[in-house]
N, C-alpha and C. Protein backbone atom coordinates (compact mmCIF):
# COMPACT_ATOMS: atom_id res chain seq x y z
N UNK A 1 58.06 103.15 86.63
CA UNK A 1 59.29 102.56 86.86
C UNK A 1 60.22 103.63 86.22
N UNK A 2 60.93 104.56 86.47
CA UNK A 2 61.66 105.83 86.06
C UNK A 2 62.22 105.46 85.01
N UNK A 3 62.64 106.11 84.27
CA UNK A 3 63.81 106.20 83.05
C UNK A 3 64.85 106.11 83.30
N UNK A 4 65.80 105.05 82.72
CA UNK A 4 67.19 105.31 83.57
C UNK A 4 67.88 105.69 82.18
N UNK A 5 68.91 106.44 81.97
CA UNK A 5 69.68 107.20 80.79
C UNK A 5 71.00 106.43 81.50
N UNK A 6 71.84 105.85 80.32
CA UNK A 6 72.95 105.22 80.07
C UNK A 6 74.26 106.55 79.63
N UNK A 7 74.59 106.96 80.33
CA UNK A 7 75.92 108.15 79.70
C UNK A 7 77.04 107.17 78.95
N UNK A 8 77.26 107.91 78.04
CA UNK A 8 78.65 107.24 77.00
C UNK A 8 79.55 107.10 77.95
N UNK A 9 80.96 106.24 77.77
CA UNK A 9 82.18 106.54 78.49
C UNK A 9 82.52 107.55 78.71
N UNK A 10 83.04 108.20 79.19
CA UNK A 10 83.80 109.59 79.91
C UNK A 10 82.89 110.78 79.28
N UNK A 11 81.82 110.64 79.92
CA UNK A 11 80.81 112.01 79.56
C UNK A 11 81.05 112.82 80.50
N UNK A 12 81.24 112.49 81.69
CA UNK A 12 81.69 113.31 82.45
C UNK A 12 82.75 113.58 82.99
N UNK A 13 83.31 114.97 82.96
CA UNK A 13 84.83 115.15 83.36
C UNK A 13 84.56 115.55 84.91
N UNK A 14 86.31 115.14 85.36
CA UNK A 14 86.49 115.35 86.52
C UNK A 14 86.68 116.32 86.96
N UNK A 15 85.80 117.18 87.87
CA UNK A 15 86.10 118.56 88.69
C UNK A 15 87.29 118.76 88.70
N UNK A 16 87.98 120.18 88.49
CA UNK A 16 89.30 120.86 88.88
C UNK A 16 89.43 120.57 90.32
N UNK A 17 88.43 120.79 91.51
CA UNK A 17 88.75 120.64 92.89
C UNK A 17 88.52 119.12 93.02
N UNK A 18 88.32 118.35 92.72
CA UNK A 18 88.12 116.58 92.92
C UNK A 18 90.22 116.82 93.18
N UNK A 19 90.08 115.65 94.09
CA UNK A 19 91.56 114.91 94.53
C UNK A 19 91.83 114.34 93.55
N UNK A 20 93.01 114.22 92.94
CA UNK A 20 93.50 112.78 92.07
C UNK A 20 94.38 112.03 92.68
N UNK A 21 94.00 110.47 92.75
CA UNK A 21 94.94 109.46 93.11
C UNK A 21 95.35 109.07 92.21
N UNK A 22 96.54 108.56 92.39
CA UNK A 22 97.63 107.73 91.67
C UNK A 22 98.48 106.65 92.14
N UNK A 23 98.85 106.02 91.45
CA UNK A 23 99.92 105.24 92.15
C UNK A 23 101.12 105.02 91.15
N UNK A 24 102.30 105.23 91.23
CA UNK A 24 103.74 105.30 90.42
C UNK A 24 103.67 104.18 89.85
N UNK A 25 103.44 103.25 90.47
CA UNK A 25 103.59 101.61 90.09
C UNK A 25 102.83 101.18 88.91
N UNK A 26 101.21 101.14 89.84
CA UNK A 26 100.35 100.98 89.04
C UNK A 26 99.54 101.74 88.71
N UNK A 27 99.00 102.65 87.62
CA UNK A 27 97.55 103.44 87.86
C UNK A 27 96.35 102.60 88.23
N UNK A 28 95.73 103.81 88.86
CA UNK A 28 94.60 103.30 89.16
C UNK A 28 93.32 103.28 87.64
N UNK A 29 92.64 101.83 88.20
CA UNK A 29 92.04 101.49 86.42
C UNK A 29 90.81 100.45 86.78
N UNK A 30 89.98 100.59 86.07
CA UNK A 30 88.53 99.93 86.72
C UNK A 30 88.36 99.30 85.22
N UNK A 31 87.88 98.00 85.47
CA UNK A 31 87.42 97.17 84.83
C UNK A 31 85.85 96.74 84.93
N UNK A 32 84.94 96.77 83.87
CA UNK A 32 83.83 96.40 84.01
C UNK A 32 83.53 94.68 83.44
N UNK A 33 82.64 93.88 84.58
CA UNK A 33 82.10 92.64 84.06
C UNK A 33 81.33 92.96 82.84
N UNK A 34 80.84 91.19 82.20
CA UNK A 34 79.69 91.33 81.08
C UNK A 34 78.43 91.97 82.09
N UNK A 35 78.05 91.75 83.35
CA UNK A 35 77.33 92.27 83.73
C UNK A 35 77.23 94.02 83.92
N UNK A 36 78.27 94.65 84.14
CA UNK A 36 78.27 95.82 84.20
C UNK A 36 78.76 96.22 85.79
N UNK A 37 79.39 95.03 86.11
CA UNK A 37 79.73 95.09 87.98
C UNK A 37 80.97 95.66 87.79
N UNK A 38 81.71 96.73 88.33
CA UNK A 38 83.00 97.27 87.70
C UNK A 38 84.12 96.56 88.90
N UNK A 39 85.43 96.49 88.74
CA UNK A 39 86.50 96.01 89.62
C UNK A 39 87.42 96.80 89.50
N UNK A 40 88.45 96.90 90.25
CA UNK A 40 89.57 97.81 90.51
C UNK A 40 90.51 96.77 89.62
N UNK A 41 91.53 97.18 88.95
CA UNK A 41 92.74 96.25 88.13
C UNK A 41 93.57 96.53 89.75
N UNK A 42 94.41 97.14 90.13
CA UNK A 42 94.75 97.56 91.16
C UNK A 42 94.53 96.82 92.67
N UNK A 43 93.44 96.54 92.97
CA UNK A 43 92.95 96.29 94.33
C UNK A 43 92.81 97.61 95.06
N UNK A 44 92.71 98.76 94.48
CA UNK A 44 92.77 99.71 95.47
C UNK A 44 91.14 100.19 95.40
N UNK A 45 90.24 100.04 96.51
CA UNK A 45 89.12 100.58 97.01
C UNK A 45 88.70 102.31 97.53
N UNK A 46 87.86 102.49 98.01
CA UNK A 46 87.51 103.56 98.68
C UNK A 46 87.87 103.33 100.03
N UNK A 47 87.85 102.07 100.50
CA UNK A 47 88.42 101.83 101.99
C UNK A 47 89.67 102.15 102.07
N UNK A 48 90.56 102.28 101.00
CA UNK A 48 92.08 102.45 101.17
C UNK A 48 92.67 104.19 101.15
N UNK A 49 91.31 104.87 100.52
CA UNK A 49 91.79 106.35 100.46
C UNK A 49 92.09 106.76 102.16
N UNK A 50 91.46 106.09 103.36
CA UNK A 50 91.70 106.55 104.85
C UNK A 50 93.47 106.74 105.25
N UNK A 51 93.72 105.63 104.26
CA UNK A 51 95.29 105.56 104.92
C UNK A 51 96.32 105.98 104.16
N UNK A 52 95.74 106.61 102.60
CA UNK A 52 96.56 107.29 101.63
C UNK A 52 97.19 108.74 102.07
N UNK A 53 98.26 108.90 101.71
CA UNK A 53 98.61 110.54 102.12
C UNK A 53 98.75 111.34 100.56
N UNK A 54 98.53 112.33 100.40
CA UNK A 54 99.10 113.53 99.86
C UNK A 54 100.20 113.59 99.25
N UNK A 55 100.86 113.76 98.44
CA UNK A 55 102.53 114.25 98.14
C UNK A 55 102.46 115.15 96.92
N UNK A 56 103.27 115.83 96.84
CA UNK A 56 103.23 116.85 96.06
C UNK A 56 104.53 116.51 95.23
N UNK A 57 104.64 116.25 93.82
CA UNK A 57 104.99 116.00 92.55
C UNK A 57 106.18 117.08 92.21
N UNK A 58 107.30 116.93 92.18
CA UNK A 58 108.32 117.88 91.91
C UNK A 58 108.44 117.94 90.86
N UNK A 59 108.24 119.43 90.15
CA UNK A 59 108.64 119.43 88.70
C UNK A 59 109.73 120.34 88.27
N UNK A 60 110.69 120.10 89.33
CA UNK A 60 112.17 120.29 88.83
C UNK A 60 112.60 118.85 88.35
N UNK A 61 113.43 119.30 86.86
CA UNK A 61 114.18 118.43 86.00
C UNK A 61 115.22 118.89 85.84
N UNK A 62 116.10 117.61 85.89
CA UNK A 62 117.53 117.86 85.44
C UNK A 62 117.52 118.50 83.81
N UNK A 63 119.04 119.14 83.69
CA UNK A 63 119.43 119.52 82.61
C UNK A 63 119.70 118.51 81.22
N UNK A 64 118.96 118.90 80.35
CA UNK A 64 118.76 117.78 79.22
C UNK A 64 119.82 118.52 78.11
N UNK A 65 120.64 117.91 77.86
CA UNK A 65 121.57 118.42 76.25
C UNK A 65 120.68 117.87 75.23
N UNK A 66 120.97 119.28 74.12
CA UNK A 66 120.27 118.99 72.69
C UNK A 66 120.66 117.62 71.78
N UNK A 67 120.03 117.21 71.24
CA UNK A 67 120.66 115.79 70.60
C UNK A 67 121.22 116.22 69.55
N UNK A 68 122.12 115.17 69.55
CA UNK A 68 123.64 115.94 68.66
C UNK A 68 123.46 115.34 67.20
N UNK A 69 124.24 116.30 66.08
CA UNK A 69 123.52 116.23 64.64
C UNK A 69 123.84 114.84 64.25
N UNK A 70 124.75 114.11 64.70
CA UNK A 70 125.69 113.39 64.42
C UNK A 70 124.41 111.55 64.69
N UNK A 71 123.56 112.05 65.36
CA UNK A 71 122.83 111.00 65.54
C UNK A 71 122.01 110.62 64.04
N UNK A 72 121.93 111.48 63.45
CA UNK A 72 121.13 111.57 62.52
C UNK A 72 122.01 110.68 60.86
N UNK A 73 123.12 110.69 60.97
CA UNK A 73 124.06 109.98 59.98
C UNK A 73 124.48 108.78 60.34
N UNK A 74 124.28 108.02 59.44
CA UNK A 74 124.05 106.42 60.16
C UNK A 74 125.56 105.96 60.04
N UNK A 75 126.67 106.79 59.10
CA UNK A 75 127.99 106.24 59.09
C UNK A 75 128.51 106.60 60.41
N UNK A 76 128.06 108.02 60.77
CA UNK A 76 128.87 108.39 62.02
C UNK A 76 128.45 107.78 63.41
N UNK A 77 127.32 107.05 63.22
CA UNK A 77 126.69 106.42 64.35
C UNK A 77 127.54 105.14 64.30
N UNK A 78 127.72 104.45 63.23
CA UNK A 78 128.80 103.32 63.15
C UNK A 78 129.87 103.53 63.82
N UNK A 79 130.44 104.62 63.45
CA UNK A 79 132.13 104.60 64.14
C UNK A 79 131.87 105.33 65.36
N UNK A 80 130.78 105.61 65.83
CA UNK A 80 130.53 105.98 67.70
C UNK A 80 130.24 104.32 67.98
N UNK A 81 129.49 103.57 67.80
CA UNK A 81 129.31 102.32 68.25
C UNK A 81 130.79 101.34 68.36
N UNK A 82 131.02 101.75 67.09
CA UNK A 82 132.44 100.58 67.01
C UNK A 82 133.40 100.90 68.07
N UNK A 83 133.67 102.46 68.32
CA UNK A 83 134.47 102.98 68.93
C UNK A 83 134.11 102.70 70.70
N UNK A 84 132.71 102.99 70.69
CA UNK A 84 132.35 102.57 72.20
C UNK A 84 132.77 100.77 72.78
N UNK A 85 132.40 100.24 71.44
CA UNK A 85 132.71 98.93 71.70
C UNK A 85 134.40 98.62 71.92
N UNK A 86 134.98 99.23 70.92
CA UNK A 86 136.58 98.78 71.31
C UNK A 86 137.01 99.28 72.56
N UNK A 87 136.37 100.64 73.15
CA UNK A 87 136.88 101.26 74.54
C UNK A 87 136.46 100.42 75.70
N UNK A 88 135.37 99.55 75.59
CA UNK A 88 134.91 98.29 76.35
C UNK A 88 135.51 97.08 76.26
N UNK A 89 136.09 97.00 74.90
CA UNK A 89 137.08 95.78 75.20
C UNK A 89 138.45 96.57 75.58
N UNK A 90 138.64 97.19 75.97
CA UNK A 90 140.15 98.16 76.80
C UNK A 90 140.96 98.07 75.49
N UNK A 91 140.64 98.29 74.17
CA UNK A 91 141.24 98.50 73.25
C UNK A 91 142.07 100.22 73.22
N UNK A 92 143.10 100.49 73.28
CA UNK A 92 143.80 102.06 73.51
C UNK A 92 143.16 103.29 72.77
N UNK A 93 142.57 102.25 71.56
CA UNK A 93 141.79 103.80 70.70
C UNK A 93 141.56 102.79 69.36
N UNK A 94 140.62 103.53 68.30
CA UNK A 94 140.45 102.73 66.93
C UNK A 94 141.70 101.81 66.27
N UNK A 95 141.06 100.67 66.33
CA UNK A 95 141.53 99.65 65.58
C UNK A 95 141.86 99.82 63.77
N UNK A 96 142.72 99.06 63.54
CA UNK A 96 143.25 99.27 62.16
C UNK A 96 142.14 98.36 61.47
N UNK A 97 141.80 98.27 59.98
CA UNK A 97 140.53 97.67 59.59
C UNK A 97 139.02 98.13 59.05
N UNK A 98 138.50 97.97 58.57
CA UNK A 98 136.97 98.48 58.23
C UNK A 98 136.21 98.17 59.40
N UNK A 99 134.97 98.67 59.44
CA UNK A 99 133.77 98.81 60.63
C UNK A 99 133.99 97.20 61.20
N UNK A 100 133.38 96.60 60.06
CA UNK A 100 133.27 95.31 60.65
C UNK A 100 133.65 94.49 61.02
N UNK A 101 135.08 94.57 60.60
CA UNK A 101 136.31 94.10 60.83
C UNK A 101 136.70 94.57 62.69
N UNK A 102 136.59 95.81 62.86
CA UNK A 102 137.08 96.34 64.35
C UNK A 102 135.78 95.90 65.14
N UNK A 103 134.75 95.76 64.68
CA UNK A 103 133.67 95.54 65.12
C UNK A 103 133.40 94.09 65.98
N UNK A 104 133.91 93.01 65.28
CA UNK A 104 133.89 91.76 65.33
C UNK A 104 135.32 91.40 66.24
N UNK A 105 136.40 91.92 66.05
CA UNK A 105 137.61 91.95 67.08
C UNK A 105 137.23 92.17 68.24
N UNK A 106 136.50 93.57 68.48
CA UNK A 106 136.57 94.19 70.08
C UNK A 106 135.32 93.11 70.61
N UNK A 107 134.32 92.46 69.71
CA UNK A 107 133.37 91.67 70.23
C UNK A 107 134.10 90.58 71.12
N UNK A 108 135.01 89.93 70.04
CA UNK A 108 135.60 88.99 70.83
C UNK A 108 136.24 88.58 71.97
N UNK A 109 136.70 90.11 72.06
CA UNK A 109 137.39 90.15 73.10
C UNK A 109 136.45 90.21 74.29
N UNK A 110 135.51 90.90 74.12
CA UNK A 110 134.40 91.22 75.01
C UNK A 110 133.69 89.86 75.71
N UNK A 111 133.99 88.70 74.52
CA UNK A 111 133.02 87.83 74.89
C UNK A 111 134.53 87.04 76.11
N UNK A 112 135.82 87.36 75.62
CA UNK A 112 136.79 86.61 76.70
C UNK A 112 136.30 87.38 77.69
N UNK A 113 136.53 88.42 77.85
CA UNK A 113 136.45 89.25 79.20
C UNK A 113 135.05 88.54 79.93
N UNK A 114 133.92 88.57 79.29
CA UNK A 114 132.86 88.07 80.05
C UNK A 114 133.01 86.71 80.65
N UNK A 115 133.80 85.69 79.88
CA UNK A 115 134.40 84.39 80.44
C UNK A 115 135.25 84.51 81.75
N UNK A 116 135.88 85.62 81.88
CA UNK A 116 136.69 85.93 83.13
C UNK A 116 135.86 86.47 84.28
N UNK A 117 134.88 87.06 83.85
CA UNK A 117 134.10 87.64 84.85
C UNK A 117 132.85 86.83 85.38
N UNK A 118 132.66 85.82 84.72
CA UNK A 118 131.48 85.43 85.22
C UNK A 118 132.26 84.19 86.25
N UNK A 119 133.50 84.04 86.00
CA UNK A 119 134.32 82.51 86.94
C UNK A 119 134.07 83.78 88.41
N UNK A 120 134.84 84.94 88.28
CA UNK A 120 134.52 85.98 89.17
C UNK A 120 133.13 86.04 89.93
N UNK A 121 132.26 86.15 89.20
CA UNK A 121 130.57 86.24 89.58
C UNK A 121 130.36 84.92 90.23
N UNK A 122 131.07 83.80 90.34
CA UNK A 122 130.46 82.30 90.66
C UNK A 122 130.97 82.83 92.17
N UNK A 123 132.53 83.02 92.21
CA UNK A 123 132.88 82.86 93.57
C UNK A 123 132.25 83.90 94.29
N UNK A 124 132.05 85.14 93.55
CA UNK A 124 131.03 86.27 94.58
C UNK A 124 129.82 85.60 95.11
N UNK A 125 129.40 84.63 94.42
CA UNK A 125 127.76 84.48 94.27
C UNK A 125 128.07 83.72 95.91
N UNK A 126 128.89 82.52 96.04
CA UNK A 126 129.44 81.50 96.83
C UNK A 126 129.77 82.20 98.05
N UNK A 127 130.88 83.66 98.05
CA UNK A 127 131.29 84.34 99.02
C UNK A 127 129.68 84.87 99.82
N UNK A 128 129.06 85.24 98.79
CA UNK A 128 127.53 85.66 99.19
C UNK A 128 126.62 85.05 100.33
N UNK A 129 126.47 83.68 100.00
CA UNK A 129 125.99 82.64 100.56
C UNK A 129 126.32 82.68 101.60
N UNK A 130 127.80 82.35 101.74
CA UNK A 130 128.49 82.28 102.97
C UNK A 130 128.49 83.34 104.04
N UNK A 131 128.35 84.17 103.59
CA UNK A 131 128.14 85.55 104.64
C UNK A 131 126.72 85.54 105.05
N UNK A 132 125.64 85.33 104.14
CA UNK A 132 124.49 85.38 104.51
C UNK A 132 123.81 84.16 105.50
N UNK A 133 124.18 83.11 105.62
CA UNK A 133 124.13 82.05 106.24
C UNK A 133 125.02 82.10 107.82
N UNK A 134 125.98 82.71 107.40
CA UNK A 134 126.92 83.29 108.95
C UNK A 134 126.50 84.06 109.47
N UNK A 135 125.28 84.94 108.97
CA UNK A 135 124.43 85.95 109.80
C UNK A 135 125.44 87.32 109.66
N UNK A 136 126.56 87.55 108.56
CA UNK A 136 126.97 88.50 108.33
C UNK A 136 126.34 89.46 107.48
N UNK A 137 125.42 90.32 108.04
CA UNK A 137 124.45 90.97 107.19
C UNK A 137 125.58 92.12 106.38
N UNK A 138 126.61 92.65 107.10
CA UNK A 138 127.28 94.07 106.45
C UNK A 138 127.68 93.14 105.41
N UNK A 139 128.83 92.18 105.50
CA UNK A 139 129.51 91.76 104.35
C UNK A 139 128.40 90.92 102.90
N UNK A 140 127.13 90.91 103.73
CA UNK A 140 126.33 89.98 102.66
C UNK A 140 125.89 91.10 101.75
N UNK A 141 125.47 92.48 102.54
CA UNK A 141 125.21 93.82 101.49
C UNK A 141 126.22 93.93 100.51
N UNK A 142 127.34 94.10 101.09
CA UNK A 142 128.09 94.63 100.77
C UNK A 142 128.87 93.74 98.90
N UNK A 143 128.41 92.31 99.70
CA UNK A 143 128.77 91.17 98.27
C UNK A 143 127.47 91.40 97.46
N UNK A 144 126.30 91.78 97.91
CA UNK A 144 125.02 91.59 97.03
C UNK A 144 125.47 92.78 96.01
N UNK A 145 126.25 94.13 96.33
CA UNK A 145 126.35 95.21 95.48
C UNK A 145 127.55 94.84 94.33
N UNK A 146 128.51 94.20 94.54
CA UNK A 146 129.43 93.70 93.74
C UNK A 146 128.56 92.71 93.03
N UNK A 147 127.95 91.92 93.47
CA UNK A 147 127.23 90.64 92.62
C UNK A 147 126.43 91.55 91.21
N UNK A 148 125.41 92.67 91.88
CA UNK A 148 125.00 93.34 91.01
C UNK A 148 125.72 93.94 89.92
N UNK A 149 127.21 94.84 90.26
CA UNK A 149 127.43 95.18 89.72
C UNK A 149 128.05 94.50 88.36
N UNK A 150 128.22 93.40 89.06
CA UNK A 150 129.45 92.38 87.87
C UNK A 150 128.59 91.83 87.20
N UNK A 151 127.24 91.98 87.21
CA UNK A 151 126.16 91.18 86.71
C UNK A 151 125.68 92.31 85.25
N UNK A 152 125.80 93.67 85.82
CA UNK A 152 125.57 94.22 85.02
C UNK A 152 126.55 94.52 83.66
N UNK A 153 127.90 94.23 84.60
CA UNK A 153 128.91 94.17 83.07
C UNK A 153 128.89 93.47 82.06
N UNK A 154 128.66 92.28 83.33
CA UNK A 154 128.75 91.07 82.13
C UNK A 154 127.79 91.15 81.07
N UNK A 155 126.30 91.94 81.37
CA UNK A 155 125.66 91.50 80.44
C UNK A 155 125.89 92.73 79.21
N UNK A 156 126.59 93.56 79.64
CA UNK A 156 127.17 94.68 78.81
C UNK A 156 128.27 94.05 78.19
N UNK A 157 129.17 93.14 78.30
CA UNK A 157 129.64 92.34 77.17
C UNK A 157 129.34 91.43 76.60
N UNK A 158 128.10 91.27 76.72
CA UNK A 158 127.66 89.66 76.34
C UNK A 158 127.00 90.55 74.67
N UNK A 159 126.32 91.70 74.74
CA UNK A 159 126.19 91.78 73.30
C UNK A 159 126.49 93.57 73.24
N UNK A 160 127.39 93.88 73.06
CA UNK A 160 127.75 95.26 73.65
C UNK A 160 127.62 96.39 72.82
N UNK A 161 127.47 95.78 71.20
CA UNK A 161 126.76 96.89 70.39
C UNK A 161 125.69 96.67 69.93
N UNK A 162 124.88 95.85 70.41
CA UNK A 162 123.56 96.09 70.54
C UNK A 162 122.86 96.99 71.81
N UNK A 163 123.77 96.85 72.78
CA UNK A 163 123.33 97.47 73.43
C UNK A 163 123.74 99.08 73.65
N UNK A 164 124.80 99.36 72.73
CA UNK A 164 125.18 100.58 72.97
C UNK A 164 124.34 101.29 72.09
N UNK A 165 123.45 100.77 70.85
CA UNK A 165 122.95 101.06 69.95
C UNK A 165 121.76 101.54 70.51
N UNK A 166 120.74 100.22 71.56
CA UNK A 166 119.60 100.84 71.73
C UNK A 166 119.77 101.76 73.01
N UNK A 167 120.66 101.63 73.90
CA UNK A 167 120.77 103.06 74.49
C UNK A 167 120.80 104.59 73.61
N UNK A 168 121.63 104.66 72.76
CA UNK A 168 121.68 105.78 71.79
C UNK A 168 120.03 105.65 70.78
N UNK A 169 119.53 105.07 70.76
CA UNK A 169 118.44 105.49 70.19
C UNK A 169 117.36 105.55 71.04
N UNK A 170 116.94 104.56 72.36
CA UNK A 170 116.18 105.12 72.95
C UNK A 170 116.25 106.67 73.78
N UNK A 171 117.49 106.90 73.76
CA UNK A 171 117.72 107.97 74.45
C UNK A 171 117.81 109.52 73.36
N UNK A 172 118.34 109.29 72.36
CA UNK A 172 118.16 110.49 71.04
C UNK A 172 116.92 110.29 70.32
N UNK A 173 116.56 109.15 69.86
CA UNK A 173 115.44 109.00 69.21
C UNK A 173 114.07 109.48 69.85
N UNK A 174 113.98 108.39 70.77
CA UNK A 174 112.71 108.51 71.31
C UNK A 174 112.67 109.53 72.44
N UNK A 175 113.60 110.06 72.94
CA UNK A 175 113.76 110.85 74.07
C UNK A 175 113.58 110.63 75.53
N UNK A 176 113.97 109.29 75.55
CA UNK A 176 113.74 108.93 77.03
C UNK A 176 115.05 109.08 77.87
N UNK A 177 114.82 109.68 79.44
CA UNK A 177 115.94 110.19 79.97
C UNK A 177 116.51 108.65 80.41
N UNK A 178 117.57 108.23 81.49
CA UNK A 178 118.24 107.32 81.51
C UNK A 178 117.10 106.36 82.33
N UNK A 179 116.38 106.96 83.11
CA UNK A 179 115.98 105.93 83.80
C UNK A 179 114.86 105.12 82.62
N UNK A 180 114.09 106.15 82.51
CA UNK A 180 113.32 105.14 81.11
C UNK A 180 114.04 104.45 80.43
N UNK A 181 115.09 104.51 79.56
CA UNK A 181 115.92 103.73 78.88
C UNK A 181 116.03 102.31 79.89
N UNK A 182 116.52 102.67 81.17
CA UNK A 182 117.22 101.28 81.94
C UNK A 182 115.62 100.19 82.24
N UNK A 183 115.05 101.21 82.19
CA UNK A 183 113.22 100.35 82.51
C UNK A 183 112.85 99.74 81.21
N UNK A 184 113.32 99.76 79.88
CA UNK A 184 112.68 99.30 78.67
C UNK A 184 113.84 98.34 78.49
N UNK A 185 115.05 98.33 79.18
CA UNK A 185 115.92 97.43 78.20
C UNK A 185 116.32 96.50 79.54
N UNK A 186 115.88 96.85 80.89
CA UNK A 186 115.99 95.92 82.00
C UNK A 186 117.45 95.11 82.32
N UNK A 187 117.82 95.32 81.60
CA UNK A 187 119.82 94.53 81.60
C UNK A 187 120.86 95.92 82.10
N UNK A 188 120.17 96.91 81.98
CA UNK A 188 121.22 98.25 82.37
C UNK A 188 120.56 98.91 83.25
N UNK A 189 121.31 99.60 84.08
CA UNK A 189 120.91 100.70 85.17
C UNK A 189 121.33 102.26 84.58
N UNK A 190 120.36 103.37 85.19
CA UNK A 190 120.68 104.61 84.86
C UNK A 190 122.25 105.03 84.77
N UNK A 191 122.80 104.82 85.64
CA UNK A 191 124.29 105.51 85.58
C UNK A 191 124.77 105.01 84.58
N UNK A 192 124.64 103.83 84.47
CA UNK A 192 125.42 103.07 82.77
C UNK A 192 125.02 103.75 82.04
N UNK A 193 123.66 104.17 81.73
CA UNK A 193 123.41 104.64 80.79
C UNK A 193 123.66 106.25 80.31
N UNK A 194 124.12 106.65 81.61
CA UNK A 194 124.61 108.42 81.26
C UNK A 194 125.98 108.46 81.33
N UNK A 195 126.57 107.37 81.66
CA UNK A 195 128.13 107.00 81.08
C UNK A 195 128.26 106.74 79.81
N UNK A 196 127.29 105.67 79.09
CA UNK A 196 127.42 105.30 77.78
C UNK A 196 127.06 106.43 76.77
N UNK A 197 125.96 107.64 77.29
CA UNK A 197 125.79 108.82 76.27
C UNK A 197 127.20 109.96 76.89
N UNK A 198 127.25 109.92 77.86
CA UNK A 198 128.57 110.61 77.98
C UNK A 198 129.59 110.21 76.90
N UNK A 199 130.44 109.13 77.04
CA UNK A 199 131.65 108.46 76.15
C UNK A 199 130.90 108.49 74.96
N UNK A 200 129.98 108.44 74.46
CA UNK A 200 129.55 108.68 73.21
C UNK A 200 129.71 110.37 72.58
N UNK A 201 129.26 111.19 73.22
CA UNK A 201 129.66 112.62 72.60
C UNK A 201 130.76 112.99 72.88
N UNK A 202 131.82 111.94 73.96
CA UNK A 202 133.30 112.46 73.64
C UNK A 202 133.56 112.19 72.26
N UNK A 203 133.67 110.37 72.25
CA UNK A 203 133.77 110.21 71.03
C UNK A 203 133.46 110.76 69.43
N UNK A 204 132.32 111.21 69.85
CA UNK A 204 132.03 111.99 68.83
C UNK A 204 132.37 113.22 68.37
N UNK A 205 133.03 113.80 69.54
CA UNK A 205 133.43 115.23 69.22
C UNK A 205 135.04 115.04 69.04
N UNK A 206 135.87 113.81 68.93
CA UNK A 206 137.08 113.67 68.79
C UNK A 206 136.88 113.10 67.44
N UNK A 207 135.72 112.18 66.96
CA UNK A 207 135.74 111.71 65.59
C UNK A 207 135.67 112.82 64.37
N UNK A 208 134.48 114.38 64.86
CA UNK A 208 134.43 115.12 64.14
C UNK A 208 135.18 116.35 63.99
N UNK A 209 136.18 116.12 64.98
CA UNK A 209 137.60 116.77 65.26
C UNK A 209 136.75 118.23 66.09
N UNK A 210 135.94 117.95 66.90
CA UNK A 210 135.48 119.16 68.07
C UNK A 210 136.89 119.23 68.58
N UNK A 211 137.08 118.16 69.31
CA UNK A 211 138.21 117.93 70.56
C UNK A 211 139.19 117.05 70.15
N UNK A 212 140.50 117.91 70.46
CA UNK A 212 141.61 116.44 70.23
C UNK A 212 141.38 115.17 71.16
N UNK A 213 142.25 114.24 70.47
CA UNK A 213 142.18 112.93 71.38
C UNK A 213 143.01 112.85 72.38
N UNK A 214 142.06 111.76 73.21
CA UNK A 214 143.31 111.73 74.43
C UNK A 214 144.34 110.94 74.29
N UNK A 215 145.60 111.68 75.12
CA UNK A 215 146.75 111.11 74.88
C UNK A 215 146.62 110.14 76.18
N UNK A 216 146.75 108.75 75.79
CA UNK A 216 146.87 107.33 76.37
C UNK A 216 148.49 107.21 77.24
N UNK A 217 148.58 106.60 78.24
CA UNK A 217 149.66 106.00 78.94
C UNK A 217 149.89 106.57 79.87
N UNK A 218 151.00 105.84 80.73
CA UNK A 218 151.44 106.56 82.42
C UNK A 218 151.98 107.96 81.66
N UNK A 219 151.44 109.05 82.57
CA UNK A 219 151.35 110.63 83.12
C UNK A 219 150.86 111.32 81.72
N UNK A 220 149.67 110.75 81.48
CA UNK A 220 149.43 111.31 80.18
C UNK A 220 148.51 112.82 80.34
N UNK A 221 148.46 112.38 81.76
CA UNK A 221 147.54 113.94 81.91
C UNK A 221 148.09 114.60 82.87
N UNK A 222 149.67 114.67 83.41
CA UNK A 222 150.55 115.55 83.67
C UNK A 222 150.81 116.20 82.63
N UNK A 223 151.65 117.66 83.40
CA UNK A 223 152.17 118.45 82.34
C UNK A 223 153.02 118.04 81.91
N UNK A 224 154.19 118.49 80.68
CA UNK A 224 155.41 117.81 80.07
C UNK A 224 156.19 119.35 80.03
N UNK A 225 157.16 119.12 80.55
CA UNK A 225 157.94 120.32 80.77
C UNK A 225 159.55 119.85 80.07
N UNK A 226 159.94 120.42 79.29
CA UNK A 226 161.48 120.46 78.88
C UNK A 226 162.54 120.79 79.74
N UNK A 227 163.43 120.42 79.46
CA UNK A 227 164.62 120.07 80.60
C UNK A 227 165.05 121.67 80.43
N UNK A 228 164.91 122.39 79.40
CA UNK A 228 165.62 123.65 79.17
C UNK A 228 164.64 124.67 80.09
N UNK A 229 163.30 124.37 80.56
CA UNK A 229 162.44 125.27 80.78
C UNK A 229 162.43 125.08 82.54
N UNK A 230 163.35 123.91 83.06
CA UNK A 230 162.94 123.82 84.47
C UNK A 230 164.43 124.95 85.13
């Protein structure tokens, strides 16, 4: 009987010329049973290779801004989070009181806004079901998009401070992009993550003094002229 030599795991390296197959959702992996019989986790076998295609992965990456210094200052981080929650609560600007009082006031208003949006969401769901059963695919698709947008807004109003803090932590401390943050949190979408980050940078610039505070009210963005200059 010939002698059989068992190689340790990963003893043989893959040649550079060998094709590499990957699955973006579930990577190819193999487990071994107690008797040494291999089986694939994803269900991909050699018979599936004939129907697979080769796709070149793009190396282009979007512009990544540097991590701001105020992220490592707890007091500034608290102020930015509170200001973003106040903005979500539709306050005109920073409210009087301590950070805790301001946050409690803003979260209370967010819960009031959430109750109103839940009623609207229930109505949209009923309209979506009516359009779907009636066979109106175009209106059903439009209502489905609105339901998804409103559901994201409701999730944001449920725990606004925790959501904002998580987005800032995953983005700045862990270095994840908007898609990675949305994948981990599962309650926000990548556009909302980018929106929160943009608002956080603007709020930090106003708080630190890099840029002036925005003027709110009707006609705030229009140039102001004095009667004598006309």
